[in-house]
Amino acid sequence: MIADPQPALPWTPSNKQDIEALPAGRWWDAVRAAPTIGERALQLLGDETGAVIQDKHGPLYWLVAVGTATSWHLRQVRVLTQLTDESTYLGVPPAAWTKGPSTTGACPSRPTTT
């Protein structure tokens, strides 16, 4: 028997008809990159990338395991997570939204690594 190379996600995008605001830091953290940085990172990562959401305004958001990117300090990159005194929400499109012009899932949802 061949094992599934992709373990089940603790969270998957909804199949609703619209974008859903979900809290960062609960199931995943999000790494937000400016459009030029994000597009280049996406090219370099290729098939090695995890789930990515591309905002219709340009930024890209990688969904990564909670707590794995909190020490990152990079120009034009911001980590969205749950803080003690602040909640951050990210608009997550339905799983079927894979093409623009609205917010889309640029890459399929699958386990992420950092």
C-alpha atoms as a PDB file:
ATOM      1  CA  MET A   1       0.000   0.000   0.000  1.00  0.00           C
ATOM      2  CA  ILE A   2       1.368   3.430  -0.955  1.00  0.00           C
ATOM      3  CA  ALA A   3       1.146   6.065   1.771  1.00  0.00           C
ATOM      4  CA  ASP A   4      -0.449   9.411   0.969  1.00  0.00           C
ATOM      5  CA  PRO A   5       2.495  11.834   0.577  1.00  0.00           C
ATOM      6  CA  GLN A   6       0.323  14.738   1.726  1.00  0.00           C
ATOM      7  CA  PRO A   7      -1.068  14.320   5.266  1.00  0.00           C
ATOM      8  CA  ALA A   8      -4.532  15.664   5.996  1.00  0.00           C
ATOM      9  CA  LEU A   9      -4.707  19.336   6.849  1.00  0.00           C
ATOM     10  CA  PRO A  10      -6.106  20.395  10.208  1.00  0.00           C
ATOM     11  CA  TRP A  11      -7.885  23.110   8.201  1.00  0.00           C
ATOM     12  CA  THR A  12      -8.967  23.403   4.578  1.00  0.00           C
ATOM     13  CA  PRO A  13     -10.517  26.296   2.641  1.00  0.00           C
ATOM     14  CA  SER A  14     -14.284  26.397   2.636  1.00  0.00           C
ATOM     15  CA  ASN A  15     -16.430  25.670  -0.369  1.00  0.00           C
ATOM     16  CA  LYS A  16     -18.568  28.745   0.306  1.00  0.00           C
ATOM     17  CA  GLN A  17     -19.317  31.191  -2.477  1.00  0.00           C
ATOM     18  CA  ASP A  18     -17.391  34.140  -1.027  1.00  0.00           C
ATOM     19  CA  ILE A  19     -14.221  35.106   0.808  1.00  0.00           C
ATOM     20  CA  GLU A  20     -14.250  34.217   4.504  1.00  0.00           C
ATOM     21  CA  ALA A  21     -12.388  36.288   7.121  1.00  0.00           C
ATOM     22  CA  LEU A  22     -10.466  33.813   9.290  1.00  0.00           C
ATOM     23  CA  PRO A  23      -8.196  34.528  12.268  1.00  0.00           C
ATOM     24  CA  ALA A  24      -4.455  34.215  11.778  1.00  0.00           C
ATOM     25  CA  GLY A  25      -2.749  32.182  14.490  1.00  0.00           C
ATOM     26  CA  ARG A  26      -5.509  29.633  14.978  1.00  0.00           C
ATOM     27  CA  TRP A  27      -4.955  27.045  12.223  1.00  0.00           C
ATOM     28  CA  TRP A  28      -2.055  28.803  10.459  1.00  0.00           C
ATOM     29  CA  ASP A  29      -0.032  31.990  10.420  1.00  0.00           C
ATOM     30  CA  ALA A  30       0.200  34.002   7.223  1.00  0.00           C
ATOM     31  CA  VAL A  31       3.370  35.470   5.756  1.00  0.00           C
ATOM     32  CA  ARG A  32       2.440  38.555   3.705  1.00  0.00           C
ATOM     33  CA  ALA A  33       4.825  39.578   0.934  1.00  0.00           C
ATOM     34  CA  ALA A  34       4.672  42.644  -1.293  1.00  0.00           C
ATOM     35  CA  PRO A  35       3.751  41.776  -4.911  1.00  0.00           C
ATOM     36  CA  THR A  36       7.279  41.989  -6.356  1.00  0.00           C
ATOM     37  CA  ILE A  37       8.801  39.968  -3.515  1.00  0.00           C
ATOM     38  CA  GLY A  38       5.929  37.464  -3.446  1.00  0.00           C
ATOM     39  CA  GLU A  39       5.933  36.806  -7.196  1.00  0.00           C
ATOM     40  CA  ARG A  40       9.693  36.194  -7.164  1.00  0.00           C
ATOM     41  CA  ALA A  41       9.422  33.893  -4.137  1.00  0.00           C
ATOM     42  CA  LEU A  42       6.646  31.963  -5.849  1.00  0.00           C
ATOM     43  CA  GLN A  43       8.846  31.495  -8.937  1.00  0.00           C
ATOM     44  CA  LEU A  44      11.813  30.348  -6.867  1.00  0.00           C
ATOM     45  CA  LEU A  45       9.775  27.948  -4.714  1.00  0.00           C
ATOM     46  CA  GLY A  46       7.935  26.368  -7.650  1.00  0.00           C
ATOM     47  CA  ASP A  47       6.303  23.101  -6.595  1.00  0.00           C
ATOM     48  CA  GLU A  48       7.908  23.363  -3.144  1.00  0.00           C
ATOM     49  CA  THR A  49       5.546  26.152  -2.065  1.00  0.00           C
ATOM     50  CA  GLY A  50       2.702  25.553   0.332  1.00  0.00           C
ATOM     51  CA  ALA A  51      -0.730  27.162   0.193  1.00  0.00           C
ATOM     52  CA  VAL A  52      -0.659  30.744  -1.116  1.00  0.00           C
ATOM     53  CA  ILE A  53      -3.428  33.335  -1.338  1.00  0.00           C
ATOM     54  CA  GLN A  54      -3.016  36.188  -3.798  1.00  0.00           C
ATOM     55  CA  ASP A  55      -4.914  39.325  -2.873  1.00  0.00           C
ATOM     56  CA  LYS A  56      -6.598  41.106  -5.784  1.00  0.00           C
ATOM     57  CA  HIS A  57      -4.521  44.168  -4.839  1.00  0.00           C
ATOM     58  CA  GLY A  58      -1.257  42.267  -5.289  1.00  0.00           C
ATOM     59  CA  PRO A  59       0.165  40.952  -1.981  1.00  0.00           C
ATOM     60  CA  LEU A  60       0.681  37.223  -1.566  1.00  0.00           C
ATOM     61  CA  TYR A  61       0.048  35.356   1.687  1.00  0.00           C
ATOM     62  CA  TRP A  62       1.708  32.017   2.460  1.00  0.00           C
ATOM     63  CA  LEU A  63      -0.111  29.930   5.051  1.00  0.00           C
ATOM     64  CA  VAL A  64       2.489  28.419   7.369  1.00  0.00           C
ATOM     65  CA  ALA A  65       2.390  26.449  10.605  1.00  0.00           C
ATOM     66  CA  VAL A  66       1.531  28.588  13.633  1.00  0.00           C
ATOM     67  CA  GLY A  67       4.640  30.071  15.256  1.00  0.00           C
ATOM     68  CA  THR A  68       7.130  29.062  12.561  1.00  0.00           C
ATOM     69  CA  ALA A  69       7.728  32.545  11.121  1.00  0.00           C
ATOM     70  CA  THR A  70       7.358  34.833  14.147  1.00  0.00           C
ATOM     71  CA  SER A  71      11.097  35.595  14.291  1.00  0.00           C
ATOM     72  CA  TRP A  72      11.338  36.541  10.610  1.00  0.00           C
ATOM     73  CA  HIS A  73      12.450  40.112   9.941  1.00  0.00           C
ATOM     74  CA  LEU A  74      12.504  40.725   6.198  1.00  0.00           C
ATOM     75  CA  ARG A  75      11.859  43.855   4.154  1.00  0.00           C
ATOM     76  CA  GLN A  76       8.415  43.991   2.581  1.00  0.00           C
ATOM     77  CA  VAL A  77       7.355  40.859   4.484  1.00  0.00           C
ATOM     78  CA  ARG A  78       4.983  40.757   7.472  1.00  0.00           C
ATOM     79  CA  VAL A  79       3.928  37.798   9.611  1.00  0.00           C
ATOM     80  CA  LEU A  80       0.261  37.707  10.583  1.00  0.00           C
ATOM     81  CA  THR A  81      -0.469  35.747  13.739  1.00  0.00           C
ATOM     82  CA  GLN A  82      -2.529  35.931  16.900  1.00  0.00           C
ATOM     83  CA  LEU A  83      -1.163  38.335  19.491  1.00  0.00           C
ATOM     84  CA  THR A  84      -2.133  38.728  23.135  1.00  0.00           C
ATOM     85  CA  ASP A  85      -3.845  42.078  22.601  1.00  0.00           C
ATOM     86  CA  GLU A  86      -4.664  41.947  18.886  1.00  0.00           C
ATOM     87  CA  SER A  87      -6.454  39.709  16.404  1.00  0.00           C
ATOM     88  CA  THR A  88      -5.632  39.662  12.713  1.00  0.00           C
ATOM     89  CA  TYR A  89      -7.957  38.251  10.083  1.00  0.00           C
ATOM     90  CA  LEU A  90      -7.146  37.178   6.549  1.00  0.00           C
ATOM     91  CA  GLY A  91      -9.654  36.950   3.719  1.00  0.00           C
ATOM     92  CA  VAL A  92      -9.504  33.337   2.536  1.00  0.00           C
ATOM     93  CA  PRO A  93     -11.143  32.536  -0.796  1.00  0.00           C
ATOM     94  CA  PRO A  94     -13.130  29.352  -1.437  1.00  0.00           C
ATOM     95  CA  ALA A  95     -11.051  26.376  -2.553  1.00  0.00           C
ATOM     96  CA  ALA A  96     -12.442  26.621  -6.103  1.00  0.00           C
ATOM     97  CA  TRP A  97     -11.211  30.203  -6.657  1.00  0.00           C
ATOM     98  CA  THR A  98      -7.931  29.653  -8.469  1.00  0.00           C
ATOM     99  CA  LYS A  99      -8.017  32.433 -11.091  1.00  0.00           C
ATOM    100  CA  GLY A 100      -8.428  36.251 -10.845  1.00  0.00           C
ATOM    101  CA  PRO A 101      -9.401  39.031 -11.051  1.00  0.00           C
ATOM    102  CA  SER A 102     -10.508  38.682  -7.414  1.00  0.00           C
ATOM    103  CA  THR A 103      -8.574  37.267  -4.473  1.00  0.00           C
ATOM    104  CA  THR A 104      -7.501  33.733  -5.357  1.00  0.00           C
ATOM    105  CA  GLY A 105      -5.711  30.709  -4.034  1.00  0.00           C
ATOM    106  CA  ALA A 106      -2.524  30.979  -6.095  1.00  0.00           C
ATOM    107  CA  CYS A 107      -1.427  27.486  -5.059  1.00  0.00           C
ATOM    108  CA  PRO A 108      -3.489  24.593  -3.742  1.00  0.00           C
ATOM    109  CA  SER A 109      -3.862  24.142  -0.028  1.00  0.00           C
ATOM    110  CA  ARG A 110      -1.544  21.513   1.350  1.00  0.00           C
ATOM    111  CA  PRO A 111       0.678  21.186   4.396  1.00  0.00           C
ATOM    112  CA  THR A 112       3.213  23.978   4.608  1.00  0.00           C
ATOM    113  CA  THR A 113       6.813  23.837   5.697  1.00  0.00           C
ATOM    114  CA  THR A 114       9.254  26.571   6.602  1.00  0.00           C
END
